[in-house]
């Protein structure tokens, strides 16, 4: 069993993730545009809850974005490619399609646990010696320098 190249830095992972979510929001905007009127209620001057359709559409786009790019684009998303990182198996081999799906399914499950699950998942990176989030541990992957 070999070892992966150098582990990617925590800050670079954060910035790549922010960029990826910006891309996801731009991609999902056409599918959610009709529901934007529900976000801000001008009559009351207050924010309203997101309709389920918008949340579902954005979640589906996000799942497909991360899964397909990690599986078929050398373990990279647009953010990871820009910041020089990629996802590999924990021993350094290329990530499989199944691992990419499991990784993203675990990340999605943590996100659905409101903020607590997502904070726990991503916060794990801060204390883990291999800089793995919980979804990385579930899928047996690491994020390394490309």
Protein backbone atom coordinates (compact mmCIF):
# COMPACT_ATOMS: atom_id res chain seq x y z
CA UNK A 1 0.00 0.00 0.00
CA UNK A 2 1.58 3.29 -1.13
CA UNK A 3 1.17 6.69 0.40
CA UNK A 4 -0.49 9.66 -1.28
CA UNK A 5 1.38 12.82 -2.29
CA UNK A 6 1.46 15.71 0.19
CA UNK A 7 -1.83 16.54 1.86
CA UNK A 8 -3.55 19.73 0.70
CA UNK A 9 -3.72 22.65 3.09
CA UNK A 10 -6.84 23.43 5.08
CA UNK A 11 -7.14 27.03 3.85
CA UNK A 12 -6.83 26.02 0.21
CA UNK A 13 -9.58 23.46 0.76
CA UNK A 14 -11.78 26.17 2.26
CA UNK A 15 -11.22 28.59 -0.63
CA UNK A 16 -11.73 25.84 -3.23
CA UNK A 17 -14.99 24.88 -1.50
CA UNK A 18 -16.24 28.46 -1.50
CA UNK A 19 -15.46 28.75 -5.21
CA UNK A 20 -17.20 25.44 -5.92
CA UNK A 21 -20.35 26.58 -4.10
CA UNK A 22 -20.36 29.83 -6.07
CA UNK A 23 -20.22 27.78 -9.27
CA UNK A 24 -23.03 25.52 -8.03
CA UNK A 25 -25.22 28.51 -7.22
CA UNK A 26 -24.64 29.99 -10.67
CA UNK A 27 -25.43 26.64 -12.32
CA UNK A 28 -28.58 26.08 -10.24
CA UNK A 29 -29.87 29.67 -10.56
CA UNK A 30 -31.88 29.03 -13.76
CA UNK A 31 -33.67 26.12 -12.06
CA UNK A 32 -34.48 28.13 -8.95
CA UNK A 33 -35.10 31.59 -10.41
CA UNK A 34 -38.93 31.36 -10.36
CA UNK A 35 -38.82 30.68 -6.61
CA UNK A 36 -36.66 33.70 -5.68
CA UNK A 37 -39.78 35.73 -4.91
CA UNK A 38 -40.33 33.53 -1.87
CA UNK A 39 -36.95 34.37 -0.37
CA UNK A 40 -37.60 38.09 0.21
CA UNK A 41 -41.11 39.25 1.02
CA UNK A 42 -41.22 42.91 0.01
CA UNK A 43 -44.67 43.40 1.51
CA UNK A 44 -43.47 42.49 5.00
CA UNK A 45 -39.87 43.56 4.44
CA UNK A 46 -38.61 40.28 5.87
CA UNK A 47 -36.79 37.17 4.73
CA UNK A 48 -38.91 34.08 4.16
CA UNK A 49 -37.94 30.42 4.16
CA UNK A 50 -36.53 28.84 1.03
CA UNK A 51 -39.09 26.79 -0.85
CA UNK A 52 -38.35 23.07 -1.03
CA UNK A 53 -38.00 23.14 -4.82
CA UNK A 54 -35.09 25.57 -4.65
CA UNK A 55 -33.26 23.64 -1.94
CA UNK A 56 -33.79 20.33 -3.74
CA UNK A 57 -32.64 21.70 -7.13
CA UNK A 58 -29.50 23.24 -5.66
CA UNK A 59 -28.78 20.06 -3.68
CA UNK A 60 -29.16 17.91 -6.78
CA UNK A 61 -26.88 20.18 -8.82
CA UNK A 62 -24.33 20.13 -5.97
CA UNK A 63 -24.41 16.33 -5.67
CA UNK A 64 -23.96 15.86 -9.41
CA UNK A 65 -21.25 18.54 -9.62
CA UNK A 66 -19.08 17.05 -6.88
CA UNK A 67 -19.74 13.42 -7.76
CA UNK A 68 -19.19 13.64 -11.50
CA UNK A 69 -16.20 15.98 -11.41
CA UNK A 70 -14.43 13.99 -8.69
CA UNK A 71 -15.17 10.72 -10.49
CA UNK A 72 -14.34 11.73 -14.05
CA UNK A 73 -12.05 14.77 -13.85
CA UNK A 74 -9.01 13.34 -12.04
CA UNK A 75 -10.53 13.83 -8.57
CA UNK A 76 -10.89 17.57 -9.07
CA UNK A 77 -13.64 20.16 -9.11
CA UNK A 78 -13.14 23.61 -10.62
CA UNK A 79 -12.12 24.94 -7.20
CA UNK A 80 -9.71 22.09 -6.52
CA UNK A 81 -8.13 22.46 -9.95
CA UNK A 82 -7.67 26.22 -9.49
CA UNK A 83 -6.09 25.72 -6.05
CA UNK A 84 -3.95 22.74 -7.12
CA UNK A 85 -5.62 19.86 -5.26
CA UNK A 86 -7.35 16.58 -6.00
CA UNK A 87 -9.14 13.78 -4.17
CA UNK A 88 -7.49 10.36 -4.14
CA UNK A 89 -7.98 7.10 -2.30
CA UNK A 90 -6.35 7.08 1.11
CA UNK A 91 -3.36 5.18 -0.27
CA UNK A 92 -2.88 7.49 -3.28
CA UNK A 93 -4.70 5.74 -6.14
CA UNK A 94 -7.25 7.49 -8.32
CA UNK A 95 -10.71 7.79 -6.73
CA UNK A 96 -13.33 5.43 -8.17
CA UNK A 97 -16.80 6.42 -9.37
CA UNK A 98 -18.31 4.55 -6.41
CA UNK A 99 -16.01 6.25 -3.90
CA UNK A 100 -16.87 9.64 -5.36
CA UNK A 101 -20.59 8.85 -4.99
CA UNK A 102 -20.16 7.59 -1.41
CA UNK A 103 -18.04 10.62 -0.52
CA UNK A 104 -20.65 13.03 -1.82
CA UNK A 105 -23.57 11.08 -0.34
CA UNK A 106 -21.90 11.27 3.07
CA UNK A 107 -21.24 15.00 2.67
CA UNK A 108 -24.87 15.53 1.63
CA UNK A 109 -26.13 13.54 4.62
CA UNK A 110 -24.04 15.69 6.97
CA UNK A 111 -25.34 18.87 5.30
CA UNK A 112 -28.95 17.74 5.83
CA UNK A 113 -28.31 17.51 9.57
CA UNK A 114 -28.73 21.28 9.58
CA UNK A 115 -25.70 23.34 10.43
CA UNK A 116 -24.45 21.01 13.16
CA UNK A 117 -23.74 18.11 10.80
CA UNK A 118 -22.00 20.26 8.24
CA UNK A 119 -19.92 22.06 10.86
CA UNK A 120 -18.90 18.75 12.42
CA UNK A 121 -18.07 17.27 9.01
CA UNK A 122 -15.95 20.19 7.83
CA UNK A 123 -14.63 21.11 11.28
CA UNK A 124 -13.11 17.65 11.54
CA UNK A 125 -10.44 18.82 9.09
CA UNK A 126 -9.05 21.18 11.71
CA UNK A 127 -8.15 18.42 14.17
CA UNK A 128 -7.52 15.41 11.97
CA UNK A 129 -3.83 14.63 11.39
CA UNK A 130 -4.60 13.63 7.76
CA UNK A 131 -6.80 16.72 7.25
CA UNK A 132 -9.78 14.51 6.42
CA UNK A 133 -13.38 15.65 6.74
CA UNK A 134 -15.83 13.03 7.98
CA UNK A 135 -17.05 12.44 4.42
CA UNK A 136 -13.42 11.68 3.47
CA UNK A 137 -13.20 9.12 6.25
CA UNK A 138 -16.44 7.45 5.15
CA UNK A 139 -15.20 7.15 1.54
CA UNK A 140 -11.56 6.44 2.50
CA UNK A 141 -10.23 9.41 0.57
CA UNK A 142 -7.81 12.28 1.16
CA UNK A 143 -7.31 15.63 -0.55
CA UNK A 144 -3.76 16.02 -1.83
CA UNK A 145 -1.66 18.48 -3.79
CA UNK A 146 -2.17 17.92 -7.52
